[in-house]
Protein backbone atom coordinates (compact mmCIF):
# COMPACT_ATOMS: atom_id res chain seq x y z
CA MET A 1 -147.63 -6.36 -52.38
CA VAL A 2 -145.62 -4.93 -55.24
CA VAL A 3 -142.26 -3.56 -53.98
CA ALA A 4 -141.28 -0.21 -55.51
CA ILE A 5 -137.66 -0.01 -56.56
CA LEU A 6 -135.75 3.32 -56.55
CA MET A 7 -133.51 3.29 -59.57
CA LEU A 8 -130.37 5.42 -59.20
CA LEU A 9 -129.41 6.41 -62.69
CA VAL A 10 -126.36 8.02 -64.24
CA PRO A 11 -127.38 11.69 -64.42
CA PHE A 12 -128.03 13.07 -67.86
CA ASN A 13 -129.46 16.51 -68.23
CA ALA A 14 -130.38 17.49 -71.81
CA LEU A 15 -130.74 21.13 -70.54
CA GLY A 16 -127.12 21.45 -69.59
CA GLU A 17 -127.25 22.31 -65.86
CA GLY A 18 -130.71 23.84 -66.27
CA SER A 19 -129.62 26.67 -68.53
CA ALA A 20 -132.59 28.65 -69.76
CA GLU A 21 -130.74 29.04 -73.06
CA ALA A 22 -130.30 25.26 -73.65
CA GLN A 23 -132.55 23.71 -76.23
CA SER A 24 -134.34 20.36 -75.91
CA PRO A 25 -133.47 17.60 -78.49
CA GLU A 26 -135.95 16.56 -81.14
CA LEU A 27 -138.91 14.81 -79.73
CA SER A 28 -140.77 11.78 -81.43
CA PRO A 29 -144.38 11.86 -80.27
CA VAL A 30 -146.97 9.29 -81.16
CA VAL A 31 -150.49 10.24 -82.20
CA TRP A 32 -153.34 7.89 -82.18
CA SER A 33 -157.10 7.86 -81.84
CA ALA A 34 -159.14 6.54 -78.90
CA SER A 35 -159.50 2.86 -79.25
CA ARG A 36 -163.10 3.02 -78.03
CA TRP A 37 -165.63 5.81 -77.42
CA ASP A 38 -169.32 6.31 -76.94
CA THR A 39 -171.90 8.33 -74.96
CA SER A 40 -173.44 6.71 -71.82
CA PRO A 41 -177.02 6.76 -70.68
CA PRO A 42 -177.53 9.10 -67.72
CA LEU A 43 -175.39 7.95 -64.87
CA ARG A 44 -178.28 8.09 -62.44
CA ASP A 45 -180.15 5.56 -64.73
CA LEU A 46 -177.38 3.02 -64.87
CA ALA A 47 -177.26 -0.05 -62.72
CA LEU A 48 -175.04 1.44 -60.08
CA ILE A 49 -172.05 -0.62 -59.14
CA GLN A 50 -171.47 -0.64 -55.48
CA PRO A 51 -167.94 -0.33 -54.13
CA GLU A 52 -166.23 -3.71 -53.85
CA THR A 53 -164.79 -4.17 -50.35
CA LEU A 54 -161.81 -6.42 -50.57
CA ALA A 55 -161.49 -9.17 -48.05
CA PRO A 56 -158.76 -8.77 -45.32
CA ASP A 57 -156.52 -11.36 -47.10
CA GLN A 58 -156.95 -9.42 -50.45
CA ALA A 59 -156.66 -5.97 -49.02
CA LEU A 60 -154.80 -3.78 -51.55
CA GLU A 61 -151.69 -1.73 -50.85
CA ILE A 62 -151.12 0.58 -53.74
CA PRO A 63 -147.31 0.77 -54.21
CA LEU A 64 -145.42 4.06 -54.53
CA HIS A 65 -143.12 3.97 -57.49
CA SER A 66 -140.27 6.33 -56.52
CA LEU A 67 -138.84 8.66 -59.03
CA PRO A 68 -135.10 8.54 -59.83
CA LYS A 69 -134.26 12.01 -58.54
CA PRO A 70 -130.43 12.25 -58.62
CA GLN A 71 -128.84 13.50 -55.46
CA LEU A 72 -125.30 14.70 -54.98
CA GLU A 73 -123.34 12.01 -53.15
CA GLY A 74 -122.24 13.33 -49.78
CA ALA A 75 -123.91 16.69 -50.32
CA VAL A 76 -124.34 18.83 -47.26
CA PRO A 77 -128.07 19.62 -46.59
CA GLU A 78 -128.84 23.14 -47.74
CA VAL A 79 -130.22 25.84 -45.46
CA ASP A 80 -133.73 26.77 -46.39
CA SER A 81 -133.61 30.63 -46.59
CA VAL A 82 -137.35 31.22 -46.95
CA VAL A 83 -138.64 29.18 -43.94
CA GLN A 84 -141.52 30.93 -42.09
CA LYS A 85 -141.20 29.75 -38.50
CA SER A 86 -143.96 31.59 -36.79
CA PHE A 87 -147.62 32.64 -37.16
CA LEU A 88 -148.19 36.29 -38.00
CA GLY A 89 -151.18 36.66 -35.81
CA VAL A 90 -154.12 37.00 -38.29
CA SER A 91 -156.75 34.45 -37.24
CA ALA A 92 -157.75 31.86 -39.82
CA PRO A 93 -161.37 32.06 -40.86
CA PRO A 94 -163.83 29.41 -39.85
CA THR A 95 -164.77 26.88 -42.52
CA ILE A 96 -168.07 27.30 -44.40
CA ALA A 97 -169.01 23.93 -45.67
CA ASN A 98 -167.35 21.07 -43.68
CA PHE A 99 -168.57 17.52 -44.30
CA GLU A 100 -167.60 13.93 -44.49
CA GLY A 101 -166.30 12.56 -47.80
CA LEU A 102 -165.57 9.08 -48.86
CA ASN A 103 -164.02 6.59 -46.37
CA ASN A 104 -162.17 3.40 -47.03
CA VAL A 105 -165.13 1.53 -48.72
CA ASN A 106 -162.71 -0.49 -50.84
CA ASN A 107 -160.21 -1.51 -48.12
CA VAL A 108 -157.22 -0.07 -49.87
CA LEU A 109 -154.23 2.07 -48.79
CA PRO A 110 -153.41 4.85 -49.22
CA PRO A 111 -156.22 7.18 -50.26
CA ASP A 112 -155.67 9.19 -53.43
CA THR A 113 -157.90 12.00 -52.33
CA ASN A 114 -159.12 14.25 -55.09
CA GLY A 115 -162.33 16.44 -55.62
CA ASP A 116 -163.57 19.52 -57.40
CA ILE A 117 -166.38 22.06 -57.04
CA GLY A 118 -168.84 23.08 -59.68
CA PRO A 119 -171.73 25.56 -59.76
CA ASN A 120 -174.09 22.98 -58.12
CA HIS A 121 -172.06 19.94 -57.17
CA TYR A 122 -168.96 18.71 -55.46
CA VAL A 123 -167.46 15.57 -56.99
CA GLN A 124 -165.00 13.56 -54.99
CA ILE A 125 -163.05 10.54 -56.28
CA VAL A 126 -160.73 8.49 -54.03
CA ASN A 127 -158.90 5.38 -55.24
CA LEU A 128 -161.64 3.13 -56.69
CA SER A 129 -164.77 5.05 -55.74
CA PHE A 130 -166.46 8.37 -56.30
CA ALA A 131 -169.41 10.28 -54.88
CA VAL A 132 -171.53 13.32 -55.92
CA TYR A 133 -172.60 15.84 -53.27
CA ASP A 134 -174.58 19.11 -53.49
CA ARG A 135 -172.72 22.25 -52.22
CA ASN A 136 -174.08 21.71 -48.68
CA GLY A 137 -172.63 18.21 -48.40
CA ASN A 138 -175.81 16.19 -49.07
CA LEU A 139 -174.92 12.99 -50.82
CA LEU A 140 -176.67 12.78 -54.19
CA LEU A 141 -174.99 9.74 -55.74
CA GLY A 142 -172.60 7.11 -54.44
CA PRO A 143 -170.22 5.90 -53.21
CA LEU A 144 -169.92 3.91 -56.46
CA ASN A 145 -167.14 2.13 -58.20
CA ASN A 146 -165.32 4.45 -60.67
CA ASN A 147 -166.08 2.04 -63.53
CA THR A 148 -169.86 2.60 -63.03
CA ILE A 149 -169.47 5.40 -65.48
CA PHE A 150 -168.14 2.99 -68.03
CA GLN A 151 -170.89 0.37 -67.62
CA GLY A 152 -171.82 -1.10 -70.99
CA PHE A 153 -168.71 0.50 -72.58
CA GLY A 154 -166.79 -2.74 -72.83
CA GLY A 155 -163.09 -3.19 -72.76
CA PRO A 156 -160.72 -2.61 -69.76
CA CYS A 157 -162.29 0.73 -68.67
CA TYR A 158 -165.35 -1.25 -67.65
CA THR A 159 -163.87 -4.69 -66.73
CA THR A 160 -161.22 -3.16 -64.49
CA ASN A 161 -161.36 -0.56 -61.73
CA ASN A 162 -157.79 0.34 -60.93
CA GLY A 163 -157.84 3.86 -59.62
CA ASP A 164 -155.18 6.62 -59.56
CA PRO A 165 -158.14 8.84 -60.34
CA ILE A 166 -158.66 12.52 -61.12
CA VAL A 167 -161.81 14.58 -61.29
CA LEU A 168 -161.88 18.22 -62.55
CA TYR A 169 -164.52 20.71 -63.26
CA ASP A 170 -164.01 22.23 -66.76
CA HIS A 171 -165.47 25.71 -66.17
CA LEU A 172 -164.79 26.82 -69.71
CA SER A 173 -167.51 24.40 -70.94
CA ASP A 174 -169.45 23.63 -67.74
CA ARG A 175 -168.45 20.03 -67.89
CA TRP A 176 -166.75 17.48 -65.70
CA LEU A 177 -163.70 15.39 -66.47
CA LEU A 178 -163.14 12.05 -64.73
CA SER A 179 -160.28 9.71 -65.32
CA GLN A 180 -158.47 6.64 -63.99
CA PHE A 181 -155.98 4.16 -65.45
CA ALA A 182 -156.83 0.58 -66.56
CA LEU A 183 -154.38 -2.18 -66.13
CA PRO A 184 -156.15 -5.37 -67.37
CA ASN A 185 -153.03 -7.60 -67.21
CA TYR A 186 -151.34 -6.07 -64.25
CA PRO A 187 -148.37 -5.97 -63.73
CA TYR A 188 -147.91 -6.53 -67.47
CA GLY A 189 -149.22 -4.31 -70.27
CA PRO A 190 -150.97 -3.07 -72.17
CA TYR A 191 -151.82 0.02 -70.09
CA TYR A 192 -154.83 2.35 -70.80
CA GLN A 193 -156.20 5.64 -69.65
CA CYS A 194 -160.00 5.95 -69.29
CA ILE A 195 -161.46 9.37 -69.63
CA ALA A 196 -165.11 10.52 -69.27
CA VAL A 197 -166.39 13.99 -70.01
CA SER A 198 -169.99 14.90 -68.87
CA THR A 199 -172.37 16.10 -71.52
CA THR A 200 -173.65 18.92 -69.23
CA GLY A 201 -172.78 20.43 -65.89
CA ASP A 202 -174.77 17.68 -64.10
CA PRO A 203 -172.35 14.87 -63.11
CA THR A 204 -175.33 12.50 -62.59
CA GLY A 205 -176.24 12.77 -66.27
CA GLN A 206 -174.61 11.43 -69.46
CA TRP A 207 -170.93 11.11 -70.18
CA HIS A 208 -168.86 10.93 -73.28
CA ARG A 209 -166.52 7.96 -72.70
CA TYR A 210 -163.05 7.24 -74.06
CA GLU A 211 -160.46 4.55 -73.86
CA PHE A 212 -156.84 5.40 -74.85
CA LEU A 213 -154.04 2.92 -75.14
CA ILE A 214 -151.03 4.53 -73.51
CA SER A 215 -148.31 1.91 -73.93
CA GLU A 216 -147.77 -1.83 -74.42
CA THR A 217 -144.85 -1.93 -72.07
CA LYS A 218 -144.73 1.20 -69.80
CA ILE A 219 -147.27 1.73 -66.98
CA ASN A 220 -148.85 5.16 -66.87
CA ASP A 221 -148.37 5.65 -63.16
CA TYR A 222 -149.60 8.71 -61.13
CA PRO A 223 -151.55 10.37 -64.01
CA LYS A 224 -152.29 14.01 -63.39
CA PHE A 225 -154.57 16.24 -65.52
CA GLY A 226 -155.00 19.91 -66.39
CA VAL A 227 -157.81 21.73 -68.19
CA TRP A 228 -156.73 24.04 -71.00
CA PRO A 229 -158.68 25.66 -73.90
CA ASP A 230 -157.11 23.59 -76.61
CA GLY A 231 -156.90 20.27 -74.77
CA TYR A 232 -156.94 18.14 -71.67
CA TYR A 233 -153.31 17.70 -70.74
CA MET A 234 -151.76 14.84 -68.75
CA THR A 235 -148.50 13.80 -67.14
CA VAL A 236 -147.60 10.21 -66.13
CA ASN A 237 -144.56 8.67 -64.49
CA GLN A 238 -143.58 5.66 -66.46
CA PHE A 239 -142.20 2.31 -65.19
CA GLU A 240 -141.45 -1.07 -66.80
CA TYR A 241 -142.05 -4.31 -65.11
CA SER A 242 -139.44 -7.00 -65.42
CA SER A 243 -137.99 -8.32 -62.14
CA GLY A 244 -139.41 -5.22 -60.55
CA TRP A 245 -140.61 -1.79 -61.54
CA ASN A 246 -137.79 -0.09 -63.41
CA TRP A 247 -137.87 3.67 -64.08
CA ALA A 248 -138.84 4.31 -67.75
CA GLY A 249 -139.21 8.11 -67.95
CA GLN A 250 -141.59 11.02 -67.83
CA GLY A 251 -144.67 10.78 -70.20
CA VAL A 252 -146.79 13.81 -71.21
CA ALA A 253 -149.96 13.84 -73.34
CA ALA A 254 -152.67 16.00 -74.78
CA PHE A 255 -156.16 14.87 -75.62
CA GLU A 256 -158.46 16.45 -78.21
CA ARG A 257 -160.76 18.40 -75.91
CA ASP A 258 -162.99 19.92 -78.55
CA GLN A 259 -163.85 16.51 -79.92
CA MET A 260 -164.39 14.95 -76.46
CA LEU A 261 -166.84 17.80 -75.52
CA VAL A 262 -169.14 16.67 -78.29
CA GLY A 263 -168.57 12.89 -78.04
CA ALA A 264 -166.75 12.67 -81.36
CA PRO A 265 -163.67 10.48 -82.16
CA ALA A 266 -160.80 12.05 -80.36
CA ARG A 267 -157.00 11.78 -80.64
CA MET A 268 -154.03 11.81 -78.26
CA VAL A 269 -150.54 13.00 -78.74
CA PHE A 270 -148.02 11.39 -76.36
CA TYR A 271 -144.35 12.07 -75.69
CA ASP A 272 -142.06 9.67 -74.05
CA LEU A 273 -139.34 12.01 -72.55
CA TYR A 274 -136.94 9.24 -71.47
CA PRO A 275 -134.78 9.56 -74.59
CA VAL A 276 -134.58 13.37 -73.95
CA ASP A 277 -133.54 13.21 -70.30
CA GLU A 278 -133.93 10.13 -68.25
CA THR A 279 -134.05 12.10 -64.97
CA LEU A 280 -137.19 14.04 -66.01
CA GLY A 281 -140.03 12.91 -63.68
CA GLY A 282 -142.81 14.17 -61.50
CA MET A 283 -144.06 16.86 -63.91
CA LEU A 284 -147.51 18.46 -63.55
CA PRO A 285 -149.61 20.07 -66.20
CA ALA A 286 -151.13 23.47 -65.56
CA ASP A 287 -154.85 23.40 -64.62
CA LEU A 288 -156.72 26.52 -65.54
CA ASP A 289 -158.94 28.47 -63.10
CA GLY A 290 -160.66 31.82 -63.93
CA PRO A 291 -160.28 33.65 -67.30
CA PRO A 292 -158.70 31.72 -70.17
CA PRO A 293 -155.04 32.45 -71.08
CA PRO A 294 -154.06 34.67 -73.96
CA LEU A 295 -155.16 33.10 -77.26
CA GLY A 296 -152.75 30.43 -78.42
CA SER A 297 -150.86 30.20 -75.09
CA PRO A 298 -149.18 26.83 -74.47
CA ASN A 299 -149.90 24.92 -71.30
CA PRO A 300 -146.92 25.27 -68.89
CA PHE A 301 -145.60 21.89 -67.47
CA VAL A 302 -143.49 22.18 -64.36
CA GLN A 303 -141.21 19.79 -62.37
CA MET A 304 -138.83 20.44 -59.50
CA ASP A 305 -135.13 19.49 -59.40
CA ASP A 306 -132.90 19.18 -56.37
CA ASP A 307 -129.13 19.09 -55.91
CA VAL A 308 -127.50 17.80 -59.12
CA TRP A 309 -129.09 20.32 -61.41
CA GLY A 310 -129.40 22.96 -58.73
CA ASP A 311 -132.47 23.80 -56.83
CA GLN A 312 -134.86 24.82 -59.54
CA LEU A 313 -138.28 24.49 -61.23
CA GLN A 314 -138.13 23.42 -64.87
CA VAL A 315 -140.89 24.91 -67.13
CA TRP A 316 -141.84 23.25 -70.44
CA ASN A 317 -144.46 24.47 -72.97
CA PHE A 318 -147.07 22.10 -74.44
CA SER A 319 -149.16 23.60 -77.24
CA VAL A 320 -150.66 20.72 -79.09
CA ASN A 321 -150.17 20.94 -82.86
CA TRP A 322 -151.88 18.16 -84.63
CA ALA A 323 -150.35 19.10 -88.03
CA ALA A 324 -146.83 19.07 -86.61
CA PRO A 325 -146.88 17.17 -83.29
CA SER A 326 -143.09 17.01 -82.94
CA ALA A 327 -143.09 20.79 -82.33
CA SER A 328 -145.75 20.71 -79.65
CA PHE A 329 -143.61 20.12 -76.51
CA THR A 330 -140.65 22.43 -75.92
CA PHE A 331 -138.45 23.54 -73.04
CA GLN A 332 -139.19 27.10 -71.77
CA ASN A 333 -136.83 28.04 -69.01
CA ALA A 334 -135.32 26.92 -65.71
CA VAL A 335 -136.27 28.86 -62.62
CA PRO A 336 -133.78 28.96 -59.76
CA THR A 337 -135.41 28.65 -56.32
CA ALA A 338 -134.37 29.35 -52.80
CA PRO A 339 -132.32 26.42 -51.53
CA PHE A 340 -134.33 23.39 -50.33
CA ASP A 341 -133.72 19.80 -49.43
CA SER A 342 -136.14 17.21 -50.83
CA ASN A 343 -134.32 14.22 -49.43
CA MET A 344 -136.65 13.25 -46.56
CA CYS A 345 -135.46 10.20 -44.67
CA SER A 346 -133.26 9.24 -47.64
CA GLY A 347 -136.47 8.19 -49.52
CA VAL A 348 -137.62 5.54 -47.11
CA PRO A 349 -141.36 5.60 -46.55
CA ASN A 350 -141.45 5.50 -42.76
CA CYS A 351 -140.61 9.24 -42.26
CA ILE A 352 -143.44 11.32 -40.78
CA PRO A 353 -144.14 10.49 -37.07
CA GLN A 354 -147.48 9.82 -35.57
CA PRO A 355 -148.39 9.62 -31.79
CA GLY A 356 -148.17 5.89 -31.50
CA GLY A 357 -148.44 4.74 -35.04
CA ILE A 358 -145.91 3.72 -37.63
CA ASP A 359 -144.17 6.67 -39.31
CA VAL A 360 -145.66 7.36 -42.75
CA ASP A 361 -144.47 8.45 -46.13
CA ALA A 362 -143.51 12.04 -47.01
CA ILE A 363 -143.47 11.69 -50.82
CA SER A 364 -140.96 14.53 -51.14
CA ASP A 365 -139.63 13.51 -54.60
CA ARG A 366 -142.26 15.37 -56.67
CA LEU A 367 -144.57 18.39 -56.82
CA MET A 368 -147.91 18.00 -55.22
CA TYR A 369 -151.14 18.33 -57.18
CA ARG A 370 -152.29 20.90 -58.55
CA LEU A 371 -150.15 23.18 -60.59
CA GLN A 372 -152.77 25.95 -60.85
CA TYR A 373 -152.78 28.64 -63.56
CA ARG A 374 -154.40 32.10 -63.52
CA ASN A 375 -154.51 34.99 -66.11
CA PHE A 376 -154.70 38.40 -64.55
CA GLY A 377 -154.31 40.36 -67.77
CA ASP A 378 -151.16 42.20 -66.94
CA HIS A 379 -149.51 38.93 -65.83
CA GLN A 380 -150.06 35.23 -65.62
CA SER A 381 -149.43 33.21 -62.30
CA LEU A 382 -148.73 29.58 -61.47
CA VAL A 383 -148.91 28.25 -57.87
CA VAL A 384 -147.63 24.79 -56.75
CA ASN A 385 -146.12 23.22 -53.67
CA HIS A 386 -143.97 20.24 -52.56
CA THR A 387 -142.59 18.78 -49.28
CA VAL A 388 -139.13 19.68 -48.09
CA ASP A 389 -136.85 18.77 -45.19
CA ILE A 390 -135.98 21.99 -43.16
CA GLY A 391 -133.49 20.06 -41.16
CA GLY A 392 -133.31 16.77 -39.26
CA ASP A 393 -135.84 15.05 -41.60
CA HIS A 394 -138.54 17.52 -40.50
CA ALA A 395 -141.22 17.84 -43.23
CA ASP A 396 -142.80 21.18 -44.21
CA VAL A 397 -144.49 22.69 -47.25
CA ARG A 398 -142.52 24.73 -49.86
CA TRP A 399 -144.88 26.82 -51.93
CA TYR A 400 -144.39 29.07 -54.92
CA GLU A 401 -146.00 31.72 -57.08
CA LEU A 402 -144.46 31.93 -60.53
CA ARG A 403 -145.26 34.89 -62.88
CA SER A 404 -144.94 35.57 -66.50
CA GLY A 405 -145.51 38.86 -68.30
CA GLY A 406 -145.59 37.08 -71.59
CA GLY A 407 -142.07 35.73 -71.81
CA GLY A 408 -140.37 33.19 -69.56
CA TRP A 409 -141.45 32.34 -66.01
CA GLY A 410 -139.85 33.58 -62.85
CA ILE A 411 -140.60 33.29 -59.13
CA PHE A 412 -142.61 36.14 -57.79
CA GLN A 413 -142.70 34.69 -54.21
CA GLN A 414 -141.92 31.54 -52.35
CA GLY A 415 -141.90 30.35 -48.79
CA THR A 416 -141.66 27.23 -46.61
CA TRP A 417 -144.52 26.99 -44.15
CA ALA A 418 -143.05 25.66 -40.85
CA PRO A 419 -144.60 27.63 -38.00
CA ASP A 420 -144.00 25.13 -35.20
CA SER A 421 -142.51 21.70 -34.48
CA ASP A 422 -145.20 19.63 -36.18
CA HIS A 423 -144.61 18.10 -39.58
CA ARG A 424 -146.57 19.42 -42.57
CA TRP A 425 -146.92 17.59 -45.89
CA MET A 426 -149.16 16.30 -48.69
CA GLY A 427 -150.19 19.91 -49.51
CA SER A 428 -152.35 21.47 -52.23
CA VAL A 429 -152.33 25.29 -53.04
CA ALA A 430 -154.47 27.47 -55.13
CA MET A 431 -155.03 31.22 -55.88
CA ASN A 432 -158.51 32.80 -56.24
CA GLY A 433 -159.57 35.67 -58.53
CA ARG A 434 -158.27 38.35 -56.17
CA GLY A 435 -154.81 36.80 -55.99
CA ASP A 436 -155.37 35.38 -52.44
CA ILE A 437 -153.69 32.00 -51.80
CA GLY A 438 -155.10 29.09 -49.81
CA LEU A 439 -152.87 26.20 -48.71
CA GLY A 440 -154.10 22.90 -47.27
CA TYR A 441 -152.04 19.97 -45.90
CA SER A 442 -151.73 17.14 -43.42
CA VAL A 443 -150.14 17.84 -39.93
CA SER A 444 -148.63 15.17 -37.54
CA SER A 445 -146.00 14.68 -34.91
CA THR A 446 -145.15 12.31 -32.02
CA THR A 447 -147.85 14.20 -29.98
CA THR A 448 -150.20 15.46 -32.64
CA TYR A 449 -152.72 13.11 -34.26
CA PRO A 450 -152.77 13.65 -38.08
CA PHE A 451 -154.92 16.72 -38.63
CA ILE A 452 -156.32 18.47 -41.68
CA ARG A 453 -155.30 22.12 -41.54
CA PHE A 454 -155.17 25.15 -43.80
CA THR A 455 -153.62 28.60 -43.95
CA GLY A 456 -153.50 31.47 -46.47
CA ARG A 457 -152.49 34.98 -47.52
CA LEU A 458 -154.06 37.99 -49.19
CA ALA A 459 -152.72 39.29 -52.45
CA GLU A 460 -151.45 42.49 -50.90
CA ASP A 461 -149.60 40.81 -48.01
CA PRO A 462 -145.80 40.84 -47.78
CA PRO A 463 -144.37 38.35 -50.36
CA GLY A 464 -143.39 34.90 -49.19
CA GLN A 465 -145.48 34.95 -46.02
CA MET A 466 -148.60 32.95 -45.05
CA THR A 467 -150.33 35.77 -42.96
CA PHE A 468 -153.13 33.64 -41.49
CA SER A 469 -152.68 31.37 -38.62
CA GLU A 470 -153.74 27.74 -39.09
CA GLY A 471 -157.31 26.71 -39.42
CA ASP A 472 -158.55 23.31 -38.54
CA ILE A 473 -160.71 21.48 -40.99
CA ILE A 474 -160.95 18.53 -38.72
CA SER A 475 -158.98 17.28 -35.80
CA GLY A 476 -157.47 13.78 -36.02
CA SER A 477 -158.28 11.47 -33.15
CA GLY A 478 -156.45 8.34 -34.39
CA TYR A 479 -153.49 7.27 -36.41
CA GLN A 480 -152.50 4.74 -38.98
CA THR A 481 -150.88 1.43 -37.83
CA SER A 482 -150.21 -0.26 -41.19
CA SER A 483 -146.71 -1.51 -41.68
CA TYR A 484 -146.91 -0.28 -45.30
CA SER A 485 -146.24 3.26 -44.00
CA ARG A 486 -148.24 4.87 -46.85
CA TRP A 487 -150.11 8.14 -46.49
CA GLY A 488 -152.04 9.65 -49.29
CA ASP A 489 -150.54 10.19 -52.73
CA TYR A 490 -152.19 13.67 -53.24
CA SER A 491 -154.90 16.00 -52.02
CA MET A 492 -156.65 18.92 -53.81
CA MET A 493 -157.36 22.58 -53.22
CA ALA A 494 -159.90 24.03 -55.61
CA VAL A 495 -161.49 27.45 -56.05
CA ASP A 496 -165.28 27.87 -56.36
CA PRO A 497 -166.11 28.83 -59.99
CA VAL A 498 -169.33 30.69 -58.85
CA ASP A 499 -167.55 33.46 -56.88
CA ASP A 500 -163.87 32.76 -57.80
CA CYS A 501 -163.14 33.52 -54.16
CA THR A 502 -163.99 30.47 -51.90
CA PHE A 503 -161.48 27.73 -51.52
CA TRP A 504 -162.54 24.05 -51.35
CA TYR A 505 -160.10 21.46 -49.96
CA THR A 506 -160.22 17.58 -49.49
CA GLN A 507 -157.79 15.51 -47.64
CA GLU A 508 -157.60 12.32 -45.52
CA TYR A 509 -157.59 11.87 -41.75
CA TYR A 510 -158.07 9.14 -39.10
CA ALA A 511 -160.85 9.36 -36.51
CA VAL A 512 -159.83 6.04 -34.98
CA SER A 513 -156.50 4.20 -34.89
CA GLY A 514 -156.05 1.11 -37.05
CA ASP A 515 -154.44 -0.55 -40.06
CA ARG A 516 -156.47 1.53 -42.52
CA PRO A 517 -159.68 3.05 -41.31
CA TRP A 518 -158.90 6.33 -43.05
CA GLN A 519 -161.63 8.91 -43.77
CA THR A 520 -161.69 12.00 -45.82
CA ARG A 521 -163.15 15.48 -45.33
CA ILE A 522 -164.33 18.19 -47.70
CA ALA A 523 -164.37 21.77 -46.49
CA SER A 524 -164.56 25.28 -47.86
CA PHE A 525 -163.25 28.63 -46.52
CA LYS A 526 -162.91 32.22 -47.56
CA LEU A 527 -160.02 34.50 -46.54
CA ARG A 528 -162.18 37.63 -47.09
CA GLU A 529 -165.26 38.73 -48.93
CA CYS A 530 -164.60 39.25 -52.58
CA GLY A 531 -167.72 40.99 -53.68
CA ASN A 532 -170.25 39.78 -56.21
CA PRO A 533 -168.64 39.65 -59.62
CA THR A 534 -170.84 39.36 -62.70
CA ILE A 535 -170.84 35.92 -64.36
CA LEU A 536 -170.21 35.89 -68.08
CA TYR A 537 -171.74 33.44 -70.39
CA PHE A 538 -170.95 33.84 -74.14
CA PRO A 539 -170.02 31.61 -77.03
CA LEU A 540 -166.36 30.91 -77.83
CA ILE A 541 -165.73 29.10 -81.19
CA GLU A 542 -163.42 26.12 -80.76
CA GLY A 543 -163.00 23.65 -83.54
CA GLY A 544 -165.97 25.04 -85.45
CA TYR A 545 -168.66 24.71 -82.84
CA PRO A 546 -169.76 26.90 -79.91
CA THR A 547 -168.64 26.29 -76.42
CA ILE A 548 -169.90 28.14 -73.33
CA LEU A 549 -167.18 30.17 -71.61
CA TYR A 550 -167.93 30.40 -67.87
CA PHE A 551 -165.96 32.51 -65.43
CA PRO A 552 -166.29 35.56 -63.10
CA LEU A 553 -164.98 38.86 -63.89
CA ILE A 554 -161.40 39.66 -62.59
CA TYR A 555 -161.49 41.49 -59.28
CA ARG A 556 -158.52 43.71 -59.92
């Protein structure tokens, strides 16, 4: 087991107490091409690599590398002024699809649960394995090792299968993106990012495959992706291995999407933000749902700050400029939030209680995936969430909607979902085309087995309130007994691209108690009927070639 070390660094904030007027120092990005690329045969025709189940004495515990979030020494916990402590009485809708996802086929802990919905498929990827389902939950392919897609590719993307994966449906081009990191000499470098982009909307078909060297010395931990018209954007938390894992700064990157869609040589621009501000960490890139942003809009990157810099969300703009890459990443503004306390259990992992098991990790030092973006024409919205302590190390979900009318970002609404004495954490939030919000999460307490639940609100409801009671995706009937105390690293709420209305959520649970017999569930729900918008297909010229733009009409 690799022991994660929490580095407490001398605070340095290049933004000067989060001032929106402060300017970021000059950045020194690196630009290089993929070190390897090709196009695979159809995935369904490859010799499929079955998941490798590690022996009990080799069972892998994936370490959590904690972020160096500075705290005010001796600070008095702040009172959360936006806590919602009761249900408002509107019954949660029943789930529509509700089926079993991947279980612990690789014998690893914890599950990094992630999945997305397309017009005809749901693709789930968890740790080292993935599977393809139809929209009714019928298994079409898998479970398979993630590196099955890189079979015959050569290099570390094929010879290793290290996880921390993401899968996204790119609705602008009717393609799928799948990625994981490759650590061939772990714990030492070099460290790679493996990215595959499907050649069509069929994830069982061919894939354009890419290997990018990220660093010789800094691991690209916790990679998170966002789809944007001018690139695939990524964040990583960097660490260096010496006597242990030392914090090495936030990393952000953009990949040349237009080239990757056609299988051509592609570039990456990468910024190491440690020289700018060593306390930056836990950023997320925006991931687009629905209509594209205004032409030329940058991808907003967001991170949360607690205590030292004030309770705030920092927003940065990433608009990749291959001709002048040093000007691509800039500070936008700091957004003050309602007070929150992110210091759950002083950062120790055994924090969230279970009814008989070992307390599990809250991961309250970062935003939870995704940071979802929407363009409504008269305004743009971002929704995101993270785990907070509402008092006495009690975990609940703080969620936000940020809005921009074309300038800086500000909070339109925010709330902390804490309707009873159970703990809620590991959330994911998304907004559909009508502006309704769906929120999914884990629930547990000393008397409640870990559940998967959801709630939501309609666009016209009072701001800051989840107006639906909780819905159950599946009831837990077991708990985790592992002394590693790890729960999942992330979950994912997606919105159906066909109707831009239905929410799809995937998360972990335990049906039986044990060291690591975790399972995952995939479910969809709809807060109301949204009508039948017309689906638009028309060519959009990007990089000199036609791309299909796919999205429903806006409802309002």
